[in-house]
C-alpha atoms as a PDB file:
ATOM      1  CA  MET A   1     136.113  60.176  71.476  1.00  0.00           C
ATOM      2  CA  SER A   2     133.144  62.313  72.507  1.00  0.00           C
ATOM      3  CA  GLU A   3     130.661  63.745  70.012  1.00  0.00           C
ATOM      4  CA  PHE A   4     131.350  67.213  68.604  1.00  0.00           C
ATOM      5  CA  ASP A   5     129.755  69.948  70.729  1.00  0.00           C
ATOM      6  CA  PHE A   6     129.451  73.502  69.344  1.00  0.00           C
ATOM      7  CA  ASN A   7     129.387  74.803  72.940  1.00  0.00           C
ATOM      8  CA  GLU A   8     132.700  73.124  73.828  1.00  0.00           C
ATOM      9  CA  HIS A   9     134.797  72.523  70.714  1.00  0.00           C
ATOM     10  CA  SER A  10     136.621  74.934  68.393  1.00  0.00           C
ATOM     11  CA  HIS A  11     135.062  75.566  65.019  1.00  0.00           C
ATOM     12  CA  ARG A  12     134.850  78.181  62.256  1.00  0.00           C
ATOM     13  CA  ARG A  13     131.683  79.916  61.144  1.00  0.00           C
ATOM     14  CA  HIS A  14     131.151  81.505  57.755  1.00  0.00           C
ATOM     15  CA  ASN A  15     129.766  85.018  57.351  1.00  0.00           C
ATOM     16  CA  PRO A  16     127.800  84.980  54.080  1.00  0.00           C
ATOM     17  CA  LEU A  17     127.392  88.770  54.168  1.00  0.00           C
ATOM     18  CA  THR A  18     131.122  89.456  53.895  1.00  0.00           C
ATOM     19  CA  ASN A  19     132.317  86.043  52.669  1.00  0.00           C
ATOM     20  CA  SER A  20     134.640  85.723  55.648  1.00  0.00           C
ATOM     21  CA  TRP A  21     135.193  83.331  58.552  1.00  0.00           C
ATOM     22  CA  VAL A  22     135.357  83.620  62.347  1.00  0.00           C
ATOM     23  CA  LEU A  23     137.036  81.132  64.692  1.00  0.00           C
ATOM     24  CA  CYS A  24     134.861  80.180  67.667  1.00  0.00           C
ATOM     25  CA  SER A  25     136.612  78.803  70.786  1.00  0.00           C
ATOM     26  CA  PRO A  26     133.881  78.357  73.435  1.00  0.00           C
ATOM     27  CA  HIS A  27     136.093  76.489  75.912  1.00  0.00           C
ATOM     28  CA  ARG A  28     138.195  79.651  76.363  1.00  0.00           C
ATOM     29  CA  THR A  29     135.463  81.330  78.427  1.00  0.00           C
ATOM     30  CA  LYS A  30     136.887  79.359  81.376  1.00  0.00           C
ATOM     31  CA  ARG A  31     140.364  80.924  81.205  1.00  0.00           C
ATOM     32  CA  PRO A  32     141.371  83.318  84.014  1.00  0.00           C
ATOM     33  CA  TRP A  33     141.742  87.015  83.172  1.00  0.00           C
ATOM     34  CA  GLN A  34     144.653  89.067  84.502  1.00  0.00           C
ATOM     35  CA  GLY A  35     144.771  91.560  81.638  1.00  0.00           C
ATOM     36  CA  GLN A  36     143.595  95.128  81.211  1.00  0.00           C
ATOM     37  CA  GLN A  37     140.357  96.254  82.817  1.00  0.00           C
ATOM     38  CA  GLU A  38     138.483  99.387  81.818  1.00  0.00           C
ATOM     39  CA  ALA A  39     136.765 101.789  84.164  1.00  0.00           C
ATOM     40  CA  ALA A  40     133.053 100.945  84.364  1.00  0.00           C
ATOM     41  CA  ASP A  41     131.011 103.567  82.492  1.00  0.00           C
ATOM     42  CA  ASN A  42     128.604 104.559  85.260  1.00  0.00           C
ATOM     43  CA  GLU A  43     129.469 108.234  85.538  1.00  0.00           C
ATOM     44  CA  THR A  44     126.587 110.450  86.653  1.00  0.00           C
ATOM     45  CA  LEU A  45     126.180 113.302  84.185  1.00  0.00           C
ATOM     46  CA  PRO A  46     124.104 116.489  84.387  1.00  0.00           C
ATOM     47  CA  SER A  47     121.162 116.970  82.007  1.00  0.00           C
ATOM     48  CA  TYR A  48     122.954 120.077  80.730  1.00  0.00           C
ATOM     49  CA  ASP A  49     126.710 120.693  80.607  1.00  0.00           C
ATOM     50  CA  SER A  50     127.872 124.243  79.872  1.00  0.00           C
ATOM     51  CA  SER A  51     131.210 122.914  78.567  1.00  0.00           C
ATOM     52  CA  CYS A  52     129.619 120.412  76.116  1.00  0.00           C
ATOM     53  CA  TYR A  53     129.930 121.299  72.434  1.00  0.00           C
ATOM     54  CA  LEU A  54     126.638 119.496  71.669  1.00  0.00           C
ATOM     55  CA  CYS A  55     124.283 120.806  74.357  1.00  0.00           C
ATOM     56  CA  PRO A  56     121.581 123.333  73.273  1.00  0.00           C
ATOM     57  CA  GLY A  57     122.671 126.980  73.242  1.00  0.00           C
ATOM     58  CA  ASN A  58     126.386 126.181  73.652  1.00  0.00           C
ATOM     59  CA  LYS A  59     129.216 127.266  71.388  1.00  0.00           C
ATOM     60  CA  ARG A  60     130.987 124.553  69.400  1.00  0.00           C
ATOM     61  CA  ALA A  61     134.745 124.250  68.860  1.00  0.00           C
ATOM     62  CA  ARG A  62     134.746 126.514  65.776  1.00  0.00           C
ATOM     63  CA  GLY A  63     132.557 129.191  67.360  1.00  0.00           C
ATOM     64  CA  ASP A  64     129.101 128.371  65.960  1.00  0.00           C
ATOM     65  CA  THR A  65     126.286 128.403  68.534  1.00  0.00           C
ATOM     66  CA  ASN A  66     123.854 125.498  68.788  1.00  0.00           C
ATOM     67  CA  PRO A  67     120.146 126.362  68.676  1.00  0.00           C
ATOM     68  CA  GLU A  68     117.877 125.598  71.647  1.00  0.00           C
ATOM     69  CA  TYR A  69     116.765 122.362  69.983  1.00  0.00           C
ATOM     70  CA  GLN A  70     114.023 120.183  71.481  1.00  0.00           C
ATOM     71  CA  ASN A  71     114.461 116.817  69.738  1.00  0.00           C
ATOM     72  CA  THR A  72     117.231 116.154  67.225  1.00  0.00           C
ATOM     73  CA  PHE A  73     119.805 118.603  65.893  1.00  0.00           C
ATOM     74  CA  ILE A  74     121.969 118.070  62.785  1.00  0.00           C
ATOM     75  CA  PHE A  75     125.016 120.089  61.752  1.00  0.00           C
ATOM     76  CA  THR A  76     128.088 119.703  59.541  1.00  0.00           C
ATOM     77  CA  ASN A  77     130.959 118.175  61.501  1.00  0.00           C
ATOM     78  CA  ASP A  78     133.423 120.898  62.528  1.00  0.00           C
ATOM     79  CA  PHE A  79     136.284 118.426  61.953  1.00  0.00           C
ATOM     80  CA  ALA A  80     134.994 116.420  58.985  1.00  0.00           C
ATOM     81  CA  ALA A  81     136.856 113.374  57.644  1.00  0.00           C
ATOM     82  CA  VAL A  82     135.761 114.200  54.067  1.00  0.00           C
ATOM     83  CA  LYS A  83     134.790 117.499  52.427  1.00  0.00           C
ATOM     84  CA  PHE A  84     133.161 118.753  49.233  1.00  0.00           C
ATOM     85  CA  ASP A  85     135.636 121.549  48.574  1.00  0.00           C
ATOM     86  CA  GLN A  86     138.648 119.674  47.263  1.00  0.00           C
ATOM     87  CA  PRO A  87     139.907 118.930  43.719  1.00  0.00           C
ATOM     88  CA  GLN A  88     139.138 115.578  42.128  1.00  0.00           C
ATOM     89  CA  PHE A  89     141.904 112.989  41.859  1.00  0.00           C
ATOM     90  CA  GLN A  90     141.801 109.699  39.966  1.00  0.00           C
ATOM     91  CA  HIS A  91     144.650 107.202  39.545  1.00  0.00           C
ATOM     92  CA  ASN A  92     145.141 106.725  35.777  1.00  0.00           C
ATOM     93  CA  SER A  93     148.459 104.887  35.306  1.00  0.00           C
ATOM     94  CA  ASN A  94     148.296 101.209  34.306  1.00  0.00           C
ATOM     95  CA  ASP A  95     151.922 100.077  34.706  1.00  0.00           C
ATOM     96  CA  LYS A  96     152.643  97.385  37.287  1.00  0.00           C
ATOM     97  CA  PHE A  97     154.549  99.609  39.721  1.00  0.00           C
ATOM     98  CA  SER A  98     151.902 102.311  39.779  1.00  0.00           C
ATOM     99  CA  SER A  99     149.318  99.603  40.511  1.00  0.00           C
ATOM    100  CA  LEU A 100     151.118  99.042  43.829  1.00  0.00           C
ATOM    101  CA  LEU A 101     150.580 102.678  44.835  1.00  0.00           C
ATOM    102  CA  LYS A 102     146.931 103.251  43.948  1.00  0.00           C
ATOM    103  CA  ALA A 103     145.032 106.162  45.409  1.00  0.00           C
ATOM    104  CA  GLU A 104     141.851 108.086  44.679  1.00  0.00           C
ATOM    105  CA  GLY A 105     140.358 111.271  45.976  1.00  0.00           C
ATOM    106  CA  VAL A 106     137.203 111.080  48.077  1.00  0.00           C
ATOM    107  CA  ARG A 107     134.785 113.990  48.341  1.00  0.00           C
ATOM    108  CA  GLY A 108     131.883 114.043  50.725  1.00  0.00           C
ATOM    109  CA  GLU A 109     130.330 115.531  53.799  1.00  0.00           C
ATOM    110  CA  CYS A 110     130.171 114.565  57.465  1.00  0.00           C
ATOM    111  CA  LYS A 111     127.222 115.380  59.690  1.00  0.00           C
ATOM    112  CA  VAL A 112     126.689 115.098  63.429  1.00  0.00           C
ATOM    113  CA  MET A 113     123.201 114.372  64.756  1.00  0.00           C
ATOM    114  CA  CYS A 114     122.330 114.967  68.398  1.00  0.00           C
ATOM    115  CA  PHE A 115     119.640 112.514  69.501  1.00  0.00           C
ATOM    116  CA  SER A 116     118.343 114.601  72.396  1.00  0.00           C
ATOM    117  CA  PRO A 117     118.924 117.937  74.130  1.00  0.00           C
ATOM    118  CA  LYS A 118     119.582 115.970  77.345  1.00  0.00           C
ATOM    119  CA  HIS A 119     123.269 115.484  78.016  1.00  0.00           C
ATOM    120  CA  ASN A 120     122.786 112.597  80.463  1.00  0.00           C
ATOM    121  CA  ILE A 121     120.727 110.148  78.427  1.00  0.00           C
ATOM    122  CA  THR A 122     121.499 107.367  75.943  1.00  0.00           C
ATOM    123  CA  VAL A 123     119.360 105.560  73.379  1.00  0.00           C
ATOM    124  CA  ALA A 124     118.848 102.797  75.948  1.00  0.00           C
ATOM    125  CA  GLU A 125     117.047 105.277  78.205  1.00  0.00           C
ATOM    126  CA  MET A 126     115.079 107.127  75.527  1.00  0.00           C
ATOM    127  CA  SER A 127     111.381 106.547  74.908  1.00  0.00           C
ATOM    128  CA  LYS A 128     110.131 104.962  71.722  1.00  0.00           C
ATOM    129  CA  ASP A 129     108.651 108.308  70.653  1.00  0.00           C
ATOM    130  CA  ALA A 130     112.017 110.024  71.110  1.00  0.00           C
ATOM    131  CA  ILE A 131     113.723 107.323  69.016  1.00  0.00           C
ATOM    132  CA  ILE A 132     111.094 107.832  66.301  1.00  0.00           C
ATOM    133  CA  HIS A 133     112.297 111.457  66.008  1.00  0.00           C
ATOM    134  CA  VAL A 134     115.837 110.120  65.490  1.00  0.00           C
ATOM    135  CA  ILE A 135     114.747 107.690  62.763  1.00  0.00           C
ATOM    136  CA  GLN A 136     112.751 110.406  61.001  1.00  0.00           C
ATOM    137  CA  ALA A 137     115.854 112.594  60.979  1.00  0.00           C
ATOM    138  CA  TRP A 138     117.911 109.686  59.550  1.00  0.00           C
ATOM    139  CA  ILE A 139     115.337 109.252  56.794  1.00  0.00           C
ATOM    140  CA  GLU A 140     115.411 112.961  55.909  1.00  0.00           C
ATOM    141  CA  VAL A 141     119.215 113.052  55.674  1.00  0.00           C
ATOM    142  CA  TYR A 142     119.359 109.848  53.622  1.00  0.00           C
ATOM    143  CA  ARG A 143     116.699 111.116  51.197  1.00  0.00           C
ATOM    144  CA  ASN A 144     118.406 114.485  50.751  1.00  0.00           C
ATOM    145  CA  TYR A 145     121.661 112.944  49.533  1.00  0.00           C
ATOM    146  CA  PHE A 146     119.974 111.354  46.495  1.00  0.00           C
ATOM    147  CA  SER A 147     119.981 114.815  44.919  1.00  0.00           C
ATOM    148  CA  ILE A 148     123.753 115.355  45.281  1.00  0.00           C
ATOM    149  CA  PRO A 149     125.476 113.827  42.200  1.00  0.00           C
ATOM    150  CA  HIS A 150     128.840 112.896  43.706  1.00  0.00           C
ATOM    151  CA  ILE A 151     127.446 111.327  46.892  1.00  0.00           C
ATOM    152  CA  ASN A 152     126.954 107.578  46.463  1.00  0.00           C
ATOM    153  CA  TYR A 153     126.812 106.262  50.002  1.00  0.00           C
ATOM    154  CA  VAL A 154     125.417 107.447  53.338  1.00  0.00           C
ATOM    155  CA  GLN A 155     126.873 105.730  56.401  1.00  0.00           C
ATOM    156  CA  ILE A 156     124.997 106.403  59.629  1.00  0.00           C
ATOM    157  CA  PHE A 157     126.818 105.202  62.750  1.00  0.00           C
ATOM    158  CA  GLU A 158     126.981 105.719  66.506  1.00  0.00           C
ATOM    159  CA  ASN A 159     129.978 105.161  68.771  1.00  0.00           C
ATOM    160  CA  LYS A 160     128.753 104.831  72.338  1.00  0.00           C
ATOM    161  CA  GLY A 161     131.227 104.929  75.224  1.00  0.00           C
ATOM    162  CA  THR A 162     134.818 106.056  75.628  1.00  0.00           C
ATOM    163  CA  ILE A 163     136.257 102.598  74.916  1.00  0.00           C
ATOM    164  CA  MET A 164     134.613 102.791  71.469  1.00  0.00           C
ATOM    165  CA  GLY A 165     136.361 106.088  70.778  1.00  0.00           C
ATOM    166  CA  CYS A 166     133.448 108.391  71.581  1.00  0.00           C
ATOM    167  CA  SER A 167     134.859 111.832  72.435  1.00  0.00           C
ATOM    168  CA  ASN A 168     131.648 113.347  73.832  1.00  0.00           C
ATOM    169  CA  PRO A 169     129.051 111.596  76.052  1.00  0.00           C
ATOM    170  CA  HIS A 170     126.166 113.713  74.730  1.00  0.00           C
ATOM    171  CA  PRO A 171     123.899 111.270  72.812  1.00  0.00           C
ATOM    172  CA  HIS A 172     124.711 111.595  69.115  1.00  0.00           C
ATOM    173  CA  CYS A 173     125.607 109.766  65.938  1.00  0.00           C
ATOM    174  CA  GLN A 174     127.611 110.628  62.854  1.00  0.00           C
ATOM    175  CA  ILE A 175     126.649 110.524  59.190  1.00  0.00           C
ATOM    176  CA  TRP A 176     129.493 110.244  56.682  1.00  0.00           C
ATOM    177  CA  CYS A 177     128.431 110.724  53.058  1.00  0.00           C
ATOM    178  CA  THR A 178     130.977 109.804  50.377  1.00  0.00           C
ATOM    179  CA  GLU A 179     131.338 109.494  46.623  1.00  0.00           C
ATOM    180  CA  SER A 180     132.954 106.071  47.107  1.00  0.00           C
ATOM    181  CA  ILE A 181     131.024 103.102  48.499  1.00  0.00           C
ATOM    182  CA  PRO A 182     133.072 101.966  51.560  1.00  0.00           C
ATOM    183  CA  GLU A 183     134.682  98.546  51.990  1.00  0.00           C
ATOM    184  CA  GLU A 184     132.245  96.867  54.409  1.00  0.00           C
ATOM    185  CA  PRO A 185     129.037  97.783  52.532  1.00  0.00           C
ATOM    186  CA  THR A 186     130.765  96.819  49.258  1.00  0.00           C
ATOM    187  CA  LYS A 187     131.489  93.327  50.597  1.00  0.00           C
ATOM    188  CA  GLU A 188     127.830  92.953  51.509  1.00  0.00           C
ATOM    189  CA  LEU A 189     126.614  94.255  48.136  1.00  0.00           C
ATOM    190  CA  ILE A 190     128.839  91.718  46.337  1.00  0.00           C
ATOM    191  CA  SER A 191     127.713  88.819  48.549  1.00  0.00           C
ATOM    192  CA  MET A 192     124.035  89.766  48.311  1.00  0.00           C
ATOM    193  CA  THR A 193     124.312  89.958  44.508  1.00  0.00           C
ATOM    194  CA  LYS A 194     126.035  86.584  44.276  1.00  0.00           C
ATOM    195  CA  TYR A 195     123.463  84.958  46.564  1.00  0.00           C
ATOM    196  CA  TYR A 196     120.588  86.344  44.495  1.00  0.00           C
ATOM    197  CA  GLU A 197     122.151  85.127  41.254  1.00  0.00           C
ATOM    198  CA  GLN A 198     122.521  81.622  42.708  1.00  0.00           C
ATOM    199  CA  ASN A 199     119.193  81.361  44.556  1.00  0.00           C
ATOM    200  CA  LYS A 200     116.855  83.995  43.055  1.00  0.00           C
ATOM    201  CA  SER A 201     116.086  85.191  46.569  1.00  0.00           C
ATOM    202  CA  CYS A 202     117.455  87.714  49.054  1.00  0.00           C
ATOM    203  CA  LEU A 203     120.173  86.528  51.431  1.00  0.00           C
ATOM    204  CA  LEU A 204     118.816  88.429  54.445  1.00  0.00           C
ATOM    205  CA  CYS A 205     115.176  87.588  53.662  1.00  0.00           C
ATOM    206  CA  ASP A 206     116.182  83.927  53.741  1.00  0.00           C
ATOM    207  CA  TYR A 207     118.238  84.409  56.901  1.00  0.00           C
ATOM    208  CA  VAL A 208     115.286  86.039  58.690  1.00  0.00           C
ATOM    209  CA  LEU A 209     113.075  83.144  57.556  1.00  0.00           C
ATOM    210  CA  LEU A 210     115.613  80.648  58.896  1.00  0.00           C
ATOM    211  CA  GLU A 211     116.049  82.305  62.304  1.00  0.00           C
ATOM    212  CA  THR A 212     112.374  83.128  62.960  1.00  0.00           C
ATOM    213  CA  LEU A 213     110.435  80.261  61.345  1.00  0.00           C
ATOM    214  CA  LYS A 214     112.648  77.357  60.237  1.00  0.00           C
ATOM    215  CA  LEU A 215     114.386  76.928  63.605  1.00  0.00           C
ATOM    216  CA  GLN A 216     111.672  76.205  66.159  1.00  0.00           C
ATOM    217  CA  ASP A 217     113.729  77.016  69.263  1.00  0.00           C
ATOM    218  CA  LYS A 218     115.032  80.290  67.728  1.00  0.00           C
ATOM    219  CA  PRO A 219     118.468  79.932  69.406  1.00  0.00           C
ATOM    220  CA  ARG A 220     119.815  83.296  68.260  1.00  0.00           C
ATOM    221  CA  VAL A 221     116.665  85.457  68.319  1.00  0.00           C
ATOM    222  CA  ILE A 222     116.714  88.005  71.147  1.00  0.00           C
ATOM    223  CA  CYS A 223     113.523  89.921  70.435  1.00  0.00           C
ATOM    224  CA  GLU A 224     111.221  90.662  67.536  1.00  0.00           C
ATOM    225  CA  ASN A 225     108.062  92.450  66.498  1.00  0.00           C
ATOM    226  CA  ASP A 226     105.908  92.428  63.363  1.00  0.00           C
ATOM    227  CA  SER A 227     108.461  94.285  61.225  1.00  0.00           C
ATOM    228  CA  PHE A 228     111.947  93.552  62.623  1.00  0.00           C
ATOM    229  CA  VAL A 229     113.950  90.853  64.353  1.00  0.00           C
ATOM    230  CA  CYS A 230     117.073  91.262  66.495  1.00  0.00           C
ATOM    231  CA  VAL A 231     119.487  88.311  66.448  1.00  0.00           C
ATOM    232  CA  THR A 232     123.020  87.444  67.434  1.00  0.00           C
ATOM    233  CA  PRO A 233     124.096  86.367  63.951  1.00  0.00           C
ATOM    234  CA  PHE A 234     125.432  82.825  63.537  1.00  0.00           C
ATOM    235  CA  TRP A 235     128.716  84.348  62.307  1.00  0.00           C
ATOM    236  CA  ALA A 236     129.068  87.092  64.970  1.00  0.00           C
ATOM    237  CA  THR A 237     132.599  88.271  65.815  1.00  0.00           C
ATOM    238  CA  TRP A 238     132.022  90.506  68.851  1.00  0.00           C
ATOM    239  CA  PRO A 239     130.855  88.827  72.095  1.00  0.00           C
ATOM    240  CA  TYR A 240     127.369  90.387  72.198  1.00  0.00           C
ATOM    241  CA  GLU A 241     127.147  91.413  68.540  1.00  0.00           C
ATOM    242  CA  THR A 242     123.614  91.739  67.171  1.00  0.00           C
ATOM    243  CA  MET A 243     121.801  92.608  63.978  1.00  0.00           C
ATOM    244  CA  ILE A 244     118.398  94.210  63.580  1.00  0.00           C
ATOM    245  CA  ILE A 245     116.975  93.021  60.261  1.00  0.00           C
ATOM    246  CA  ALA A 246     113.799  94.067  58.469  1.00  0.00           C
ATOM    247  CA  LYS A 247     111.412  91.111  58.095  1.00  0.00           C
ATOM    248  CA  SER A 248     110.071  92.392  54.780  1.00  0.00           C
ATOM    249  CA  HIS A 249     112.323  93.202  51.845  1.00  0.00           C
ATOM    250  CA  VAL A 250     113.025  96.915  52.216  1.00  0.00           C
ATOM    251  CA  THR A 251     116.336  98.190  50.874  1.00  0.00           C
ATOM    252  CA  SER A 252     116.555 101.434  52.851  1.00  0.00           C
ATOM    253  CA  LEU A 253     114.972 103.606  55.518  1.00  0.00           C
ATOM    254  CA  ILE A 254     112.910 105.522  52.963  1.00  0.00           C
ATOM    255  CA  GLU A 255     111.122 102.294  51.994  1.00  0.00           C
ATOM    256  CA  LEU A 256     109.691 101.795  55.484  1.00  0.00           C
ATOM    257  CA  ASP A 257     105.982 101.296  54.941  1.00  0.00           C
ATOM    258  CA  GLY A 258     104.354 104.014  56.990  1.00  0.00           C
ATOM    259  CA  GLU A 259     103.905 104.495  60.719  1.00  0.00           C
ATOM    260  CA  LYS A 260     103.822 100.796  61.645  1.00  0.00           C
ATOM    261  CA  GLN A 261     107.346  99.941  60.472  1.00  0.00           C
ATOM    262  CA  LEU A 262     108.695 103.235  61.819  1.00  0.00           C
ATOM    263  CA  ASN A 263     107.234 102.451  65.254  1.00  0.00           C
ATOM    264  CA  ASP A 264     108.511  98.882  65.116  1.00  0.00           C
ATOM    265  CA  LEU A 265     112.061  99.990  64.278  1.00  0.00           C
ATOM    266  CA  ALA A 266     112.057 102.459  67.184  1.00  0.00           C
ATOM    267  CA  ASP A 267     110.620  99.742  69.436  1.00  0.00           C
ATOM    268  CA  ILE A 268     113.289  97.160  68.672  1.00  0.00           C
ATOM    269  CA  ILE A 269     116.165  99.680  68.895  1.00  0.00           C
ATOM    270  CA  ARG A 270     114.929 100.693  72.352  1.00  0.00           C
ATOM    271  CA  ARG A 271     114.571  97.073  73.460  1.00  0.00           C
ATOM    272  CA  ILE A 272     118.010  95.820  72.410  1.00  0.00           C
ATOM    273  CA  THR A 273     119.907  98.883  73.691  1.00  0.00           C
ATOM    274  CA  CYS A 274     118.089  98.595  77.035  1.00  0.00           C
ATOM    275  CA  ARG A 275     118.965  94.895  77.240  1.00  0.00           C
ATOM    276  CA  TYR A 276     122.602  95.759  76.524  1.00  0.00           C
ATOM    277  CA  ASP A 277     122.769  98.151  79.499  1.00  0.00           C
ATOM    278  CA  ASN A 278     121.155  95.509  81.700  1.00  0.00           C
ATOM    279  CA  VAL A 279     123.754  92.811  80.910  1.00  0.00           C
ATOM    280  CA  PHE A 280     126.345  94.303  83.289  1.00  0.00           C
ATOM    281  CA  LYS A 281     124.255  97.125  84.809  1.00  0.00           C
ATOM    282  CA  CYS A 282     126.298  99.786  83.044  1.00  0.00           C
ATOM    283  CA  SER A 283     126.151 102.049  80.004  1.00  0.00           C
ATOM    284  CA  PHE A 284     127.064  99.310  77.512  1.00  0.00           C
ATOM    285  CA  PRO A 285     129.534 100.582  74.871  1.00  0.00           C
ATOM    286  CA  TYR A 286     129.080  99.690  71.208  1.00  0.00           C
ATOM    287  CA  SER A 287     129.448 100.835  67.639  1.00  0.00           C
ATOM    288  CA  MET A 288     126.175 100.768  65.710  1.00  0.00           C
ATOM    289  CA  GLY A 289     125.798 101.247  61.976  1.00  0.00           C
ATOM    290  CA  ILE A 290     122.981 101.156  59.440  1.00  0.00           C
ATOM    291  CA  HIS A 291     123.564  99.295  56.186  1.00  0.00           C
ATOM    292  CA  GLN A 292     121.150 100.101  53.385  1.00  0.00           C
ATOM    293  CA  ALA A 293     121.118 100.771  49.649  1.00  0.00           C
ATOM    294  CA  PRO A 294     123.630 103.261  48.212  1.00  0.00           C
ATOM    295  CA  VAL A 295     122.251 106.598  46.959  1.00  0.00           C
ATOM    296  CA  ASP A 296     123.825 106.256  43.503  1.00  0.00           C
ATOM    297  CA  GLU A 297     120.453 106.010  41.677  1.00  0.00           C
ATOM    298  CA  LYS A 298     121.159 102.403  40.594  1.00  0.00           C
ATOM    299  CA  ASP A 299     118.835  99.453  41.110  1.00  0.00           C
ATOM    300  CA  HIS A 300     119.624  97.865  44.471  1.00  0.00           C
ATOM    301  CA  SER A 301     116.519  95.722  44.837  1.00  0.00           C
ATOM    302  CA  HIS A 302     118.585  92.504  44.769  1.00  0.00           C
ATOM    303  CA  ASP A 303     121.772  93.538  46.588  1.00  0.00           C
ATOM    304  CA  SER A 304     120.475  95.524  49.587  1.00  0.00           C
ATOM    305  CA  HIS A 305     118.283  94.777  52.590  1.00  0.00           C
ATOM    306  CA  LEU A 306     117.906  97.227  55.483  1.00  0.00           C
ATOM    307  CA  HIS A 307     119.729  96.108  58.626  1.00  0.00           C
ATOM    308  CA  LEU A 308     121.580  97.557  61.623  1.00  0.00           C
ATOM    309  CA  HIS A 309     124.802  96.170  63.090  1.00  0.00           C
ATOM    310  CA  PHE A 310     125.649  96.496  66.791  1.00  0.00           C
ATOM    311  CA  TYR A 311     129.271  95.746  67.694  1.00  0.00           C
ATOM    312  CA  PRO A 312     129.696  95.908  71.511  1.00  0.00           C
ATOM    313  CA  ALA A 313     133.157  95.570  73.026  1.00  0.00           C
ATOM    314  CA  LEU A 314     132.428  94.152  76.508  1.00  0.00           C
ATOM    315  CA  LEU A 315     133.150  90.479  77.120  1.00  0.00           C
ATOM    316  CA  ARG A 316     133.127  89.275  80.755  1.00  0.00           C
ATOM    317  CA  SER A 317     132.023  92.279  82.784  1.00  0.00           C
ATOM    318  CA  SER A 318     131.586  96.039  82.669  1.00  0.00           C
ATOM    319  CA  THR A 319     135.375  96.390  82.880  1.00  0.00           C
ATOM    320  CA  VAL A 320     136.701  93.594  80.618  1.00  0.00           C
ATOM    321  CA  LYS A 321     136.459  94.139  76.878  1.00  0.00           C
ATOM    322  CA  LYS A 322     137.153  92.017  73.822  1.00  0.00           C
ATOM    323  CA  PHE A 323     140.405  92.821  71.995  1.00  0.00           C
ATOM    324  CA  LEU A 324     140.779  92.182  68.258  1.00  0.00           C
ATOM    325  CA  VAL A 325     144.559  91.762  68.265  1.00  0.00           C
ATOM    326  CA  GLY A 326     147.226  89.192  67.465  1.00  0.00           C
ATOM    327  CA  TYR A 327     145.555  86.249  65.719  1.00  0.00           C
ATOM    328  CA  GLU A 328     142.511  88.379  64.895  1.00  0.00           C
ATOM    329  CA  MET A 329     144.670  90.970  63.110  1.00  0.00           C
ATOM    330  CA  LEU A 330     147.057  88.532  61.443  1.00  0.00           C
ATOM    331  CA  ALA A 331     144.851  85.513  60.687  1.00  0.00           C
ATOM    332  CA  GLU A 332     141.071  85.783  61.238  1.00  0.00           C
ATOM    333  CA  PRO A 333     138.607  87.014  63.879  1.00  0.00           C
ATOM    334  CA  GLN A 334     138.114  84.800  66.942  1.00  0.00           C
ATOM    335  CA  ARG A 335     135.483  84.697  69.686  1.00  0.00           C
ATOM    336  CA  ASP A 336     135.051  82.718  72.917  1.00  0.00           C
ATOM    337  CA  LEU A 337     131.380  83.056  73.852  1.00  0.00           C
ATOM    338  CA  THR A 338     129.147  81.421  71.228  1.00  0.00           C
ATOM    339  CA  PRO A 339     126.442  83.547  69.576  1.00  0.00           C
ATOM    340  CA  GLU A 340     123.851  81.196  71.075  1.00  0.00           C
ATOM    341  CA  GLN A 341     125.206  81.745  74.599  1.00  0.00           C
ATOM    342  CA  ALA A 342     125.249  85.509  74.031  1.00  0.00           C
ATOM    343  CA  ALA A 343     121.656  85.422  72.774  1.00  0.00           C
ATOM    344  CA  GLU A 344     120.550  83.493  75.855  1.00  0.00           C
ATOM    345  CA  THR A 345     122.153  86.100  78.131  1.00  0.00           C
ATOM    346  CA  LEU A 346     120.522  88.974  76.243  1.00  0.00           C
ATOM    347  CA  ARG A 347     117.110  87.243  76.239  1.00  0.00           C
ATOM    348  CA  LYS A 348     117.230  87.004  80.025  1.00  0.00           C
ATOM    349  CA  CYS A 349     117.822  90.744  80.383  1.00  0.00           C
ATOM    350  CA  SER A 350     114.905  92.993  81.204  1.00  0.00           C
ATOM    351  CA  GLU A 351     113.543  95.613  78.812  1.00  0.00           C
ATOM    352  CA  ILE A 352     113.109  97.948  81.786  1.00  0.00           C
ATOM    353  CA  HIS A 353     116.352  99.882  82.215  1.00  0.00           C
ATOM    354  CA  TYR A 354     118.206  99.054  85.417  1.00  0.00           C
ATOM    355  CA  LYS A 355     118.208 102.731  86.424  1.00  0.00           C
ATOM    356  CA  GLN A 356     114.411 102.763  86.257  1.00  0.00           C
ATOM    357  CA  GLU A 357     113.666  99.441  87.973  1.00  0.00           C
ATOM    358  CA  ASN A 358     113.301 101.020  91.413  1.00  0.00           C
ATOM    359  CA  MET A 359     111.044 103.767  90.066  1.00  0.00           C
ATOM    360  CA  ILE A 360     108.280 101.368  89.035  1.00  0.00           C
END
């Protein structure tokens, strides 16, 4: 029998951040595809759309008028998932049947942040300076929620592209602030705490050390600078999933050490999003989220480490996406392309956006 080959043979990989597993089946990349194909996201948009609820000077769905903003613009979501103005509710019964029907109220606030006044641009096409404005706005929002007693977590996320559920192409993200700490960050907080208790070191600090220094060929590193590294994590679920991880131990955006780290974060966000668009020469859809310390005024020096997750849906082309269905819903996540193969593809992509290649 031949020797085991991670690029050919099925295997499981453990995600230490969430204490979960993913099945990797690299041989399945050879199977023919006769399933659903999406429309390629290459629509040409105007720089200003009079019907867009997010463009400067336009009226939103509830009648408020946007200012003539020049960089970023933040407002309370007109259709928020959580709100401040509701009564508190806490499940108090301890009998066994009531334990099967647990519920709790969740108060909070949802914000929308427009990245740019331009309707026809994405992060992948923005300059580093423009992305710095976005990060500065994230920092301000995150810092402000420390002063609100019943807000304990700030989740910043961006859905890019219609197949990721984005309802408006104007470049924007959402910020959901809740009194509960959500499931995914909670899993990471628990795993980070357990790792620290066992090893007296930070899980993600050690992972960065492993990927950037311990492994000489850096098989999963896509790009890096002095302050951050972008990798396809060993345990990735989505085909071209990546993480941007701080190289130094910072727990949140407000701990970024001055202009250097701010510039480096903007630099690496621009580089990976540009590479994404260049994979299939299209506006590459993804969900991006920032994981950082909760704002509950507790000590998170050992259970948090600033990082960004990118979960892109595309698999084989600009029209074929990855589906998490069937086995993935009922058993465990599964992927075909290995993280190492995905990293190699992304490394080969230019950091000059395909739309701008002919302009240089």
